[in-house]
Amino acid sequence: MNFIMDISSLKKALFNPAIYPDHPNDIQFGETHISLLFFTGKHVYKLKKPMNFGFLDFTTLEKRKYFCEQEVKLNLRLSPKIYLGVVAITEDKGQISFNGGGKTIEYAVWMKQIPEDLLMDKLLQKGEVTPEMIQKVSEKLVHFYSTADTNEIIKSFAKPERVKQDTDENFEQTEKYIDRAILKEAYEWIKNRTNRFLKNQEKLFERRIAEGRIRDCHGDLRLEHIFWGDEISIFDCIEFNERFRYTDVAADIAFLAMDIDYQGREDLNPYLINTYINGSGDRDLLEILDFYKCYRAYVRGKVESFRLDDPNIPEEEKREALKRAQKYFDLAYRYSQKF
């Protein structure tokens, strides 16, 4: 069975509650640009689309199996109770089942379904996130980074010339959005400040590498990926490209700090940053944090800008994406004044 040819029939089969082990009453469906998600009420089955974006390649069944396994393995680090394993989707005489007989036609990440109203972005919007909660998250991150993998290959990703490859890519990919999503003056300013920082702060980058601050991190550390349950779970890390995870811990924390700023709750960030510095002893963090906050805000602005060129997105959604892109780029410009 060719998944690309039969994606619609597979989707249709997976809407049948009878094939699921927990026998749900109905199936809810969700979709991202790289995943199909089927919700039973108790569990989530997450399939990877057969896509190739360059930085991500899910084009073969073997690759999708591998990255399903990677997703579970990596997310168990911070979400041991959410990620349950990888299941095979099988077909036997026209019947689709999970871990059944016959031929394996697809793989899915098997997860516990969590109540979305306990995600920290939702809690923040309701005004229910306290400084103490942010401190608890920060304490979890102190432990995580202290035990996360590091080696010479991982460390090499934080060399300034390597970081410059990523920032150059960002500027090249956003040139077409100048005076649409980002003002030309802001674009030139951020680009110049970024290049100057990378050139003038080589010793800072080298010191952080020498001090073991470069780790196998989360890569997508945002409020919507933090679940405030019986224990804090931080899920949905980047599994598909090591380049986005092998980074300075400051770049990971900067993502969360930037997201908090974006949500208009800058007052919470001292609890995140000070708790982390006190717990980790990472005094240099403040010297590089604004640089990485600028980088993270710029990347989010770029991602939202890409939506403007997607023919499948309605005009109203594009208008909202443009507003978000402008807000992220404004934030990046603000951070770039600080380094």
Protein backbone atom coordinates (compact mmCIF):
# COMPACT_ATOMS: atom_id res chain seq x y z
CA MET A 1 0.00 0.00 0.00
CA ASN A 2 1.46 3.35 -1.05
CA PHE A 3 0.77 5.92 1.67
CA ILE A 4 1.03 8.87 -0.72
CA MET A 5 -1.56 7.33 -3.05
CA ASP A 6 -3.85 6.06 -0.30
CA ILE A 7 -3.64 8.75 2.38
CA SER A 8 -7.34 9.57 2.03
CA SER A 9 -8.43 5.92 2.37
CA LEU A 10 -6.10 5.45 5.35
CA LYS A 11 -7.54 8.56 7.00
CA LYS A 12 -11.03 7.21 6.39
CA ALA A 13 -10.11 3.85 7.96
CA LEU A 14 -8.65 5.59 11.02
CA PHE A 15 -11.94 7.40 11.63
CA ASN A 16 -13.49 4.03 12.48
CA PRO A 17 -13.67 3.79 16.32
CA ALA A 18 -13.96 -0.02 16.16
CA ILE A 19 -10.30 -0.49 15.18
CA TYR A 20 -8.94 1.30 18.27
CA PRO A 21 -7.89 -0.75 21.33
CA ASP A 22 -9.72 1.57 23.78
CA HIS A 23 -13.01 1.40 21.78
CA PRO A 24 -13.86 5.13 21.77
CA ASN A 25 -17.30 6.44 20.87
CA ASP A 26 -15.87 8.66 18.18
CA ILE A 27 -12.60 9.94 16.73
CA GLN A 28 -11.48 13.57 16.63
CA PHE A 29 -8.97 14.65 14.01
CA GLY A 30 -6.20 17.22 13.92
CA GLU A 31 -3.61 18.12 11.31
CA THR A 32 -0.37 20.10 11.10
CA HIS A 33 1.86 20.64 8.07
CA ILE A 34 3.81 17.48 9.00
CA SER A 35 1.41 15.32 11.05
CA LEU A 36 -2.02 13.68 11.14
CA LEU A 37 -3.48 13.27 14.63
CA PHE A 38 -6.35 11.01 15.70
CA PHE A 39 -7.82 11.58 19.17
CA THR A 40 -9.83 8.90 20.99
CA GLY A 41 -10.47 10.77 24.23
CA LYS A 42 -7.88 8.68 26.08
CA HIS A 43 -5.10 8.46 23.52
CA VAL A 44 -3.59 10.23 20.53
CA TYR A 45 -2.22 8.46 17.46
CA LYS A 46 0.16 10.73 15.57
CA LEU A 47 1.20 9.86 12.01
CA LYS A 48 3.92 11.58 10.03
CA LYS A 49 3.10 12.83 6.54
CA PRO A 50 5.36 11.62 3.70
CA MET A 51 6.92 15.07 3.24
CA ASN A 52 10.38 16.39 2.41
CA PHE A 53 11.09 20.00 3.39
CA GLY A 54 14.87 19.71 3.19
CA PHE A 55 15.30 20.09 6.93
CA LEU A 56 12.86 17.19 7.35
CA ASP A 57 12.50 13.97 5.35
CA PHE A 58 9.61 11.56 6.06
CA THR A 59 9.37 10.20 2.53
CA THR A 60 9.78 6.46 3.23
CA LEU A 61 8.06 4.11 5.66
CA GLU A 62 11.44 3.27 7.20
CA LYS A 63 12.17 6.94 7.86
CA ARG A 64 8.73 7.52 9.36
CA LYS A 65 9.23 4.54 11.67
CA TYR A 66 12.66 5.83 12.71
CA PHE A 67 11.41 9.34 13.46
CA CYS A 68 8.39 7.99 15.36
CA GLU A 69 10.85 6.06 17.53
CA GLN A 70 13.05 9.15 17.90
CA GLU A 71 10.06 11.26 18.89
CA VAL A 72 9.16 8.86 21.70
CA LYS A 73 12.75 8.39 22.88
CA LEU A 74 13.56 12.11 22.98
CA ASN A 75 10.27 13.22 24.52
CA LEU A 76 10.49 10.64 27.31
CA ARG A 77 13.20 12.89 28.74
CA LEU A 78 10.69 15.57 29.74
CA SER A 79 7.32 13.82 29.31
CA PRO A 80 7.63 10.24 30.60
CA LYS A 81 3.90 9.90 31.28
CA ILE A 82 2.59 11.22 27.95
CA TYR A 83 4.57 9.21 25.40
CA LEU A 84 3.56 5.54 25.42
CA GLY A 85 5.38 4.09 22.41
CA VAL A 86 5.20 3.46 18.67
CA VAL A 87 2.44 1.33 17.14
CA ALA A 88 2.31 -0.30 13.72
CA ILE A 89 -0.77 0.25 11.56
CA THR A 90 -1.36 -3.01 9.75
CA GLU A 91 -3.54 -4.24 6.93
CA ASP A 92 -4.75 -7.82 6.53
CA LYS A 93 -7.24 -8.74 3.81
CA GLY A 94 -8.46 -5.16 3.60
CA GLN A 95 -8.82 -4.74 7.38
CA ILE A 96 -6.86 -1.98 9.11
CA SER A 97 -5.77 -2.49 12.72
CA PHE A 98 -3.16 -1.47 15.26
CA ASN A 99 -0.32 -3.98 15.79
CA GLY A 100 -2.40 -6.58 13.96
CA GLY A 101 -1.51 -9.28 11.46
CA GLY A 102 -0.67 -8.82 7.81
CA LYS A 103 1.45 -6.06 6.32
CA THR A 104 2.63 -2.94 8.19
CA ILE A 105 1.52 0.06 6.15
CA GLU A 106 2.26 2.88 8.57
CA TYR A 107 3.53 3.77 12.05
CA ALA A 108 2.13 6.12 14.68
CA VAL A 109 3.37 7.68 17.88
CA TRP A 110 1.04 6.53 20.66
CA MET A 111 0.40 9.13 23.34
CA LYS A 112 -1.82 9.83 26.29
CA GLN A 113 -4.40 12.50 25.44
CA ILE A 114 -4.08 15.47 27.77
CA PRO A 115 -6.64 18.21 28.53
CA GLU A 116 -5.66 21.24 26.45
CA ASP A 117 -6.95 23.70 29.03
CA LEU A 118 -3.95 22.75 31.20
CA LEU A 119 -1.39 23.80 28.59
CA MET A 120 0.53 26.83 29.82
CA ASP A 121 -0.37 29.07 26.88
CA LYS A 122 -4.06 28.53 27.68
CA LEU A 123 -3.46 29.03 31.41
CA LEU A 124 -1.53 32.23 30.70
CA GLN A 125 -4.37 33.60 28.56
CA LYS A 126 -6.75 32.95 31.49
CA GLY A 127 -4.39 34.71 33.89
CA GLU A 128 -3.75 31.51 35.83
CA VAL A 129 0.05 31.27 35.51
CA THR A 130 1.83 32.35 38.70
CA PRO A 131 5.49 33.23 39.30
CA GLU A 132 5.77 30.04 41.35
CA MET A 133 4.67 27.97 38.34
CA ILE A 134 7.32 29.58 36.15
CA GLN A 135 9.91 28.85 38.84
CA LYS A 136 8.86 25.18 38.87
CA VAL A 137 9.29 24.97 35.09
CA SER A 138 12.71 26.61 35.38
CA GLU A 139 13.78 24.13 38.07
CA LYS A 140 12.79 21.26 35.77
CA LEU A 141 14.89 22.80 33.00
CA VAL A 142 17.92 23.14 35.31
CA HIS A 143 17.80 19.38 35.92
CA PHE A 144 17.11 18.56 32.27
CA TYR A 145 20.02 20.53 30.83
CA SER A 146 22.42 19.27 33.49
CA THR A 147 21.74 15.68 32.41
CA ALA A 148 21.14 16.19 28.65
CA ASP A 149 23.69 14.70 26.27
CA THR A 150 26.73 16.65 25.14
CA ASN A 151 29.78 15.74 23.07
CA GLU A 152 32.15 17.32 20.56
CA ILE A 153 29.66 17.02 17.69
CA ILE A 154 26.87 18.63 19.74
CA LYS A 155 29.24 21.40 20.90
CA SER A 156 30.22 22.22 17.32
CA PHE A 157 26.69 23.47 16.60
CA ALA A 158 27.20 26.48 18.89
CA LYS A 159 30.36 27.81 17.26
CA PRO A 160 29.71 31.36 16.00
CA GLU A 161 30.46 30.46 12.38
CA ARG A 162 27.92 27.62 12.62
CA VAL A 163 25.29 29.85 14.24
CA LYS A 164 25.92 32.41 11.47
CA GLN A 165 24.86 29.81 8.88
CA ASP A 166 21.44 29.72 10.55
CA THR A 167 21.10 33.49 10.92
CA ASP A 168 22.25 34.06 7.32
CA GLU A 169 19.61 31.57 6.17
CA ASN A 170 16.96 33.48 8.12
CA PHE A 171 17.89 36.79 6.52
CA GLU A 172 18.03 35.31 3.02
CA GLN A 173 14.63 33.65 3.42
CA THR A 174 12.95 36.84 4.69
CA GLU A 175 14.27 39.33 2.12
CA LYS A 176 11.07 38.90 0.12
CA TYR A 177 8.98 40.04 3.13
CA ILE A 178 10.81 43.38 3.57
CA ASP A 179 8.29 46.26 3.83
CA ARG A 180 5.51 43.71 4.08
CA ALA A 181 6.12 41.83 7.33
CA ILE A 182 9.29 43.67 8.40
CA LEU A 183 10.42 47.23 7.70
CA LYS A 184 13.62 47.53 5.68
CA GLU A 185 15.26 49.61 8.42
CA ALA A 186 14.46 46.96 11.04
CA TYR A 187 15.68 44.16 8.75
CA GLU A 188 19.03 45.89 8.14
CA TRP A 189 19.45 46.79 11.80
CA ILE A 190 18.79 43.25 13.08
CA LYS A 191 21.06 41.76 10.42
CA ASN A 192 23.92 44.15 11.21
CA ARG A 193 23.61 43.73 14.98
CA THR A 194 23.46 39.95 14.64
CA ASN A 195 26.58 39.80 12.48
CA ARG A 196 28.43 42.21 14.75
CA PHE A 197 27.58 40.14 17.84
CA LEU A 198 28.75 36.91 16.19
CA LYS A 199 32.02 38.57 15.18
CA ASN A 200 32.76 40.43 18.41
CA GLN A 201 31.66 37.81 20.93
CA GLU A 202 33.68 34.80 19.78
CA LYS A 203 35.22 34.41 23.24
CA LEU A 204 31.77 34.28 24.83
CA PHE A 205 30.68 31.52 22.44
CA GLU A 206 33.93 29.63 23.09
CA ARG A 207 33.54 29.99 26.85
CA ARG A 208 30.03 28.59 26.78
CA ILE A 209 31.23 25.63 24.74
CA ALA A 210 34.09 25.03 27.20
CA GLU A 211 31.72 25.24 30.19
CA GLY A 212 29.44 22.53 28.79
CA ARG A 213 26.48 24.81 28.03
CA ILE A 214 25.83 23.18 24.65
CA ARG A 215 23.44 20.25 24.96
CA ASP A 216 20.92 18.05 23.17
CA CYS A 217 18.05 20.40 24.04
CA HIS A 218 14.30 20.55 23.35
CA GLY A 219 14.42 22.79 20.28
CA ASP A 220 10.84 24.09 20.39
CA LEU A 221 10.41 25.24 23.98
CA ARG A 222 7.17 27.22 23.98
CA LEU A 223 4.29 27.66 26.41
CA GLU A 224 1.96 25.52 24.29
CA HIS A 225 4.33 22.58 24.79
CA ILE A 226 4.22 22.71 28.60
CA PHE A 227 1.49 20.71 30.35
CA TRP A 228 0.62 21.62 33.93
CA GLY A 229 -0.66 18.25 35.16
CA ASP A 230 0.13 16.18 38.25
CA GLU A 231 3.69 16.78 37.19
CA ILE A 232 5.07 19.26 34.65
CA SER A 233 5.44 17.69 31.21
CA ILE A 234 7.31 19.45 28.41
CA PHE A 235 6.51 17.69 25.16
CA ASP A 236 6.79 17.93 21.35
CA CYS A 237 10.54 18.45 21.12
CA ILE A 238 12.20 18.51 17.70
CA GLU A 239 12.92 14.93 16.62
CA PHE A 240 13.34 15.37 12.87
CA ASN A 241 16.57 17.40 12.72
CA GLU A 242 19.40 17.41 15.24
CA ARG A 243 20.46 20.86 14.04
CA PHE A 244 17.45 22.36 15.81
CA ARG A 245 18.16 20.58 19.12
CA TYR A 246 21.95 20.71 19.38
CA THR A 247 22.29 24.18 20.79
CA ASP A 248 23.26 26.42 23.66
CA VAL A 249 20.85 25.99 26.58
CA ALA A 250 20.49 29.79 26.37
CA ALA A 251 18.88 29.42 22.92
CA ASP A 252 16.34 26.97 24.35
CA ILE A 253 15.49 29.13 27.35
CA ALA A 254 15.40 32.20 25.10
CA PHE A 255 12.60 30.57 23.10
CA LEU A 256 10.42 30.26 26.21
CA ALA A 257 11.36 33.72 27.47
CA MET A 258 10.52 35.21 24.07
CA ASP A 259 7.17 33.40 24.02
CA ILE A 260 6.33 34.82 27.45
CA ASP A 261 7.21 38.32 26.20
CA TYR A 262 5.10 37.76 23.06
CA GLN A 263 2.12 36.91 25.27
CA GLY A 264 2.57 40.23 27.08
CA ARG A 265 3.76 38.78 30.40
CA GLU A 266 7.31 40.12 30.63
CA ASP A 267 6.81 40.34 34.39
CA LEU A 268 7.13 36.54 34.59
CA ASN A 269 10.51 36.28 32.88
CA PRO A 270 12.70 37.22 35.87
CA TYR A 271 11.30 34.16 37.67
CA LEU A 272 12.29 31.96 34.72
CA ILE A 273 15.75 33.46 34.23
CA ASN A 274 16.82 34.06 37.84
CA THR A 275 15.68 30.62 38.97
CA TYR A 276 17.62 29.06 36.11
CA ILE A 277 20.80 31.04 36.79
CA ASN A 278 20.66 30.33 40.53
CA GLY A 279 20.06 26.63 39.97
CA SER A 280 22.60 26.10 37.20
CA GLY A 281 25.30 28.62 38.10
CA ASP A 282 25.17 29.84 34.49
CA ARG A 283 26.11 33.50 35.04
CA ASP A 284 27.07 34.05 31.40
CA LEU A 285 23.49 33.37 30.31
CA LEU A 286 22.54 37.05 30.55
CA GLU A 287 25.32 38.04 28.15
CA ILE A 288 23.90 35.96 25.32
CA LEU A 289 20.18 35.69 26.17
CA ASP A 290 18.98 38.75 24.22
CA PHE A 291 20.89 37.58 21.15
CA TYR A 292 19.09 34.25 21.20
CA LYS A 293 15.73 35.86 22.05
CA CYS A 294 16.17 37.99 18.94
CA TYR A 295 17.04 34.88 16.92
CA ARG A 296 13.99 32.98 18.19
CA ALA A 297 11.60 35.89 17.58
CA TYR A 298 13.00 36.31 14.08
CA VAL A 299 12.53 32.62 13.28
CA ARG A 300 8.90 32.78 14.42
CA GLY A 301 8.39 35.87 12.27
CA LYS A 302 9.86 33.97 9.32
CA VAL A 303 7.63 30.95 9.88
CA GLU A 304 4.50 33.13 10.03
CA SER A 305 5.65 34.97 6.88
CA PHE A 306 5.91 31.70 4.98
CA ARG A 307 2.18 31.27 5.52
CA LEU A 308 1.58 34.32 3.33
CA ASP A 309 2.72 32.32 0.30
CA ASP A 310 0.74 29.16 1.03
CA PRO A 311 -2.04 28.79 -1.59
CA ASN A 312 -3.99 26.49 0.75
CA ILE A 313 -4.43 29.14 3.45
CA PRO A 314 -7.52 31.44 3.23
CA GLU A 315 -6.96 35.21 2.99
CA GLU A 316 -8.38 35.86 6.46
CA GLU A 317 -5.87 33.45 8.00
CA LYS A 318 -3.09 35.10 6.00
CA ARG A 319 -4.04 38.48 7.44
CA GLU A 320 -3.76 37.04 10.96
CA ALA A 321 -0.43 35.41 10.08
CA LEU A 322 0.87 38.77 8.82
CA LYS A 323 -0.07 40.44 12.12
CA ARG A 324 1.74 37.71 14.06
CA ALA A 325 4.80 37.97 11.80
CA GLN A 326 4.95 41.75 12.28
CA LYS A 327 4.66 41.34 16.04
CA TYR A 328 7.48 38.78 16.13
CA PHE A 329 9.74 40.93 13.95
CA ASP A 330 9.00 43.96 16.16
CA LEU A 331 10.03 41.85 19.15
CA ALA A 332 13.25 40.78 17.39
CA TYR A 333 14.02 44.43 16.63
CA ARG A 334 13.46 45.34 20.28
CA TYR A 335 15.82 42.60 21.47
CA SER A 336 18.47 43.67 18.93
CA GLN A 337 18.70 47.04 20.68
CA LYS A 338 20.09 45.24 23.73
CA PHE A 339 23.19 43.50 22.39
